[in-house]
Protein backbone atom coordinates (compact mmCIF):
# COMPACT_ATOMS: atom_id res chain seq x y z
CA UNK A 1 20.85 -23.37 9.33
CA UNK A 2 18.57 -20.57 7.92
CA UNK A 3 18.77 -17.44 6.59
CA UNK A 4 17.82 -15.59 9.33
CA UNK A 5 20.00 -17.53 11.87
CA UNK A 6 23.26 -17.01 9.20
CA UNK A 7 22.79 -12.97 9.13
CA UNK A 8 22.88 -13.67 13.12
CA UNK A 9 25.88 -15.50 12.96
CA UNK A 10 27.86 -13.38 10.78
CA UNK A 11 26.76 -9.89 12.45
CA UNK A 12 28.22 -11.82 15.87
CA UNK A 13 31.00 -12.64 14.94
CA UNK A 14 33.00 -9.41 14.84
CA UNK A 15 36.85 -10.71 14.00
CA UNK A 16 35.49 -10.27 10.32
CA UNK A 17 36.21 -6.80 10.75
CA UNK A 18 39.90 -6.66 11.13
CA UNK A 19 42.58 -7.60 9.17
CA UNK A 20 44.31 -11.17 9.16
CA UNK A 21 47.47 -12.45 7.48
CA UNK A 22 46.77 -15.44 7.51
CA UNK A 23 43.90 -15.68 5.09
CA UNK A 24 41.52 -13.62 3.50
CA UNK A 25 38.57 -11.29 4.89
CA UNK A 26 35.41 -10.56 3.83
CA UNK A 27 33.52 -7.58 4.24
CA UNK A 28 30.72 -8.65 7.07
CA UNK A 29 28.34 -6.26 5.30
CA UNK A 30 29.06 -7.92 1.87
CA UNK A 31 28.38 -11.10 3.31
CA UNK A 32 25.01 -10.20 4.63
CA UNK A 33 23.94 -8.36 1.31
CA UNK A 34 24.81 -12.28 -0.37
CA UNK A 35 23.11 -13.87 2.41
CA UNK A 36 19.67 -12.09 1.89
CA UNK A 37 19.69 -12.45 -1.58
CA UNK A 38 20.07 -16.23 -1.26
CA UNK A 39 16.88 -17.97 -2.39
CA UNK A 40 15.35 -14.64 -3.80
CA UNK A 41 13.88 -15.31 -7.03
CA UNK A 42 14.75 -11.87 -9.17
CA UNK A 43 11.12 -10.47 -9.88
CA UNK A 44 10.21 -10.57 -13.65
CA UNK A 45 9.45 -8.00 -15.90
CA UNK A 46 6.05 -7.52 -17.80
CA UNK A 47 4.59 -5.20 -20.03
CA UNK A 48 1.38 -3.30 -18.04
CA UNK A 49 -1.42 -5.38 -19.32
CA UNK A 50 -0.11 -8.33 -18.00
CA UNK A 51 0.38 -6.35 -14.44
CA UNK A 52 -3.13 -4.89 -15.27
CA UNK A 53 -4.37 -8.50 -15.65
CA UNK A 54 -2.65 -10.03 -12.54
CA UNK A 55 -4.21 -7.16 -10.38
CA UNK A 56 -7.79 -8.13 -11.61
CA UNK A 57 -7.58 -11.23 -11.19
CA UNK A 58 -6.23 -11.55 -7.94
CA UNK A 59 -7.69 -8.30 -6.64
CA UNK A 60 -11.63 -8.67 -7.96
CA UNK A 61 -12.05 -11.59 -9.86
CA UNK A 62 -10.98 -13.94 -6.98
CA UNK A 63 -9.58 -16.40 -9.37
CA UNK A 64 -6.06 -19.10 -9.14
CA UNK A 65 -3.68 -18.68 -11.51
CA UNK A 66 -4.72 -21.53 -13.62
CA UNK A 67 -7.82 -19.64 -14.34
CA UNK A 68 -6.04 -16.42 -14.55
CA UNK A 69 -4.02 -17.96 -17.44
CA UNK A 70 -7.08 -19.62 -19.11
CA UNK A 71 -7.82 -18.42 -22.86
CA UNK A 72 -10.96 -19.29 -22.69
CA UNK A 73 -11.47 -17.10 -19.45
CA UNK A 74 -9.56 -14.09 -20.70
CA UNK A 75 -11.66 -14.11 -23.87
CA UNK A 76 -15.11 -14.10 -21.21
CA UNK A 77 -13.34 -11.07 -19.54
CA UNK A 78 -12.92 -8.62 -22.47
CA UNK A 79 -8.94 -9.07 -22.93
CA UNK A 80 -7.61 -8.33 -26.29
CA UNK A 81 -6.30 -10.88 -29.04
CA UNK A 82 -3.09 -9.77 -28.26
CA UNK A 83 -2.81 -10.66 -25.16
CA UNK A 84 -4.32 -14.27 -25.58
CA UNK A 85 -1.76 -14.75 -28.14
CA UNK A 86 1.32 -13.22 -25.76
CA UNK A 87 -0.20 -15.83 -22.90
CA UNK A 88 -0.07 -18.84 -25.33
CA UNK A 89 3.70 -18.43 -25.47
CA UNK A 90 5.03 -20.64 -23.63
CA UNK A 91 7.91 -18.58 -22.45
CA UNK A 92 5.30 -16.24 -21.45
CA UNK A 93 3.45 -18.86 -19.48
CA UNK A 94 6.46 -19.03 -17.39
CA UNK A 95 6.92 -15.56 -17.10
CA UNK A 96 3.00 -14.72 -16.09
CA UNK A 97 3.20 -17.73 -13.44
CA UNK A 98 6.77 -16.02 -12.04
CA UNK A 99 4.54 -12.70 -11.74
CA UNK A 100 2.10 -14.04 -9.86
CA UNK A 101 3.83 -16.07 -7.90
CA UNK A 102 7.39 -13.78 -7.24
CA UNK A 103 5.68 -10.60 -8.18
CA UNK A 104 6.64 -8.52 -10.64
CA UNK A 105 8.19 -5.73 -12.59
CA UNK A 106 6.67 -3.63 -14.78
CA UNK A 107 7.88 -2.94 -18.38
CA UNK A 108 8.93 0.54 -19.18
CA UNK A 109 6.96 1.51 -22.20
CA UNK A 110 8.78 3.15 -25.30
CA UNK A 111 8.77 6.90 -26.02
CA UNK A 112 9.37 8.52 -28.70
CA UNK A 113 9.29 12.10 -30.21
CA UNK A 114 7.25 13.07 -33.34
CA UNK A 115 8.57 15.87 -35.79
CA UNK A 116 6.69 17.27 -38.66
CA UNK A 117 8.90 16.61 -41.71
CA UNK A 118 8.44 19.72 -43.56
CA UNK A 119 9.58 22.08 -41.18
CA UNK A 120 12.81 23.56 -42.80
CA UNK A 121 14.98 23.88 -38.58
CA UNK A 122 15.20 20.00 -37.94
CA UNK A 123 15.32 21.35 -34.18
CA UNK A 124 11.65 22.53 -34.36
CA UNK A 125 8.57 20.97 -35.52
CA UNK A 126 8.43 18.52 -32.64
CA UNK A 127 5.08 18.14 -31.49
CA UNK A 128 5.05 19.25 -27.97
CA UNK A 129 2.19 18.90 -25.42
CA UNK A 130 1.14 21.14 -22.56
CA UNK A 131 0.81 19.62 -19.56
CA UNK A 132 -2.02 22.02 -17.64
CA UNK A 133 -4.11 22.64 -20.89
CA UNK A 134 -3.44 19.39 -23.01
CA UNK A 135 -2.91 21.54 -26.09
CA UNK A 136 -0.52 20.68 -28.71
CA UNK A 137 1.64 23.12 -30.53
CA UNK A 138 5.01 22.61 -32.53
CA UNK A 139 8.49 23.38 -31.24
CA UNK A 140 11.82 22.02 -30.01
CA UNK A 141 12.18 18.43 -28.83
CA UNK A 142 13.40 18.73 -25.78
CA UNK A 143 11.60 17.35 -22.44
CA UNK A 144 13.29 19.28 -20.02
CA UNK A 145 10.48 21.73 -19.15
CA UNK A 146 7.44 20.22 -16.53
CA UNK A 147 4.92 22.38 -18.62
CA UNK A 148 5.56 20.55 -21.74
CA UNK A 149 6.11 17.03 -23.13
CA UNK A 150 7.89 16.02 -25.98
CA UNK A 151 8.15 12.38 -25.19
CA UNK A 152 5.06 10.17 -25.92
CA UNK A 153 4.06 6.34 -25.91
CA UNK A 154 3.41 4.84 -29.39
CA UNK A 155 -0.56 4.48 -28.43
CA UNK A 156 -0.21 7.94 -27.85
CA UNK A 157 0.97 8.61 -31.30
CA UNK A 158 -1.48 6.33 -32.97
CA UNK A 159 -4.50 8.28 -31.12
CA UNK A 160 -3.07 11.43 -32.32
CA UNK A 161 -2.61 9.45 -36.03
CA UNK A 162 0.77 10.75 -36.01
CA UNK A 163 2.86 6.79 -35.96
CA UNK A 164 2.08 6.01 -39.20
CA UNK A 165 1.50 8.99 -41.11
CA UNK A 166 4.47 9.79 -43.82
CA UNK A 167 4.69 13.80 -42.46
CA UNK A 168 5.98 12.71 -39.79
CA UNK A 169 9.33 11.65 -38.45
CA UNK A 170 9.55 9.03 -35.61
CA UNK A 171 12.46 9.03 -33.35
CA UNK A 172 12.90 6.67 -30.17
CA UNK A 173 13.91 8.30 -27.43
CA UNK A 174 15.77 6.75 -23.70
């Protein structure tokens, strides 16, 4: 019996929708949901740069899994040294292969807010970015307004020369 046959058998058996004194009743929808999950591997969570490389290899380079994981091939195709180190780690090779075969979910990148330390008001002094004009200014750290952003990735803060700058206090946001 395969998954589809099992689902059809459960859907066709209406006696499980009534209460029984003689035994335990199970919700038919719960049983169907459990059957659907059988043999469906959990998709691995991978960083964005890994997802980008998988997409490039499959869609543009038309190479197989073995070639895509080859550090020499990665070097030839301008992949970063950090990525090559990442792929050389055995556990990451397994993750990469599972992502290649089963699909993947992209790891959410951590977000941070940066406050200029010299401001006297602890609620002000946060970097804000106007989403329309891309202008930067200092104000509160709320991210509630769609016109302004106060949460940034590490790469964005590094580009602004804020990440390692002692004049700024960096806080991770959830």
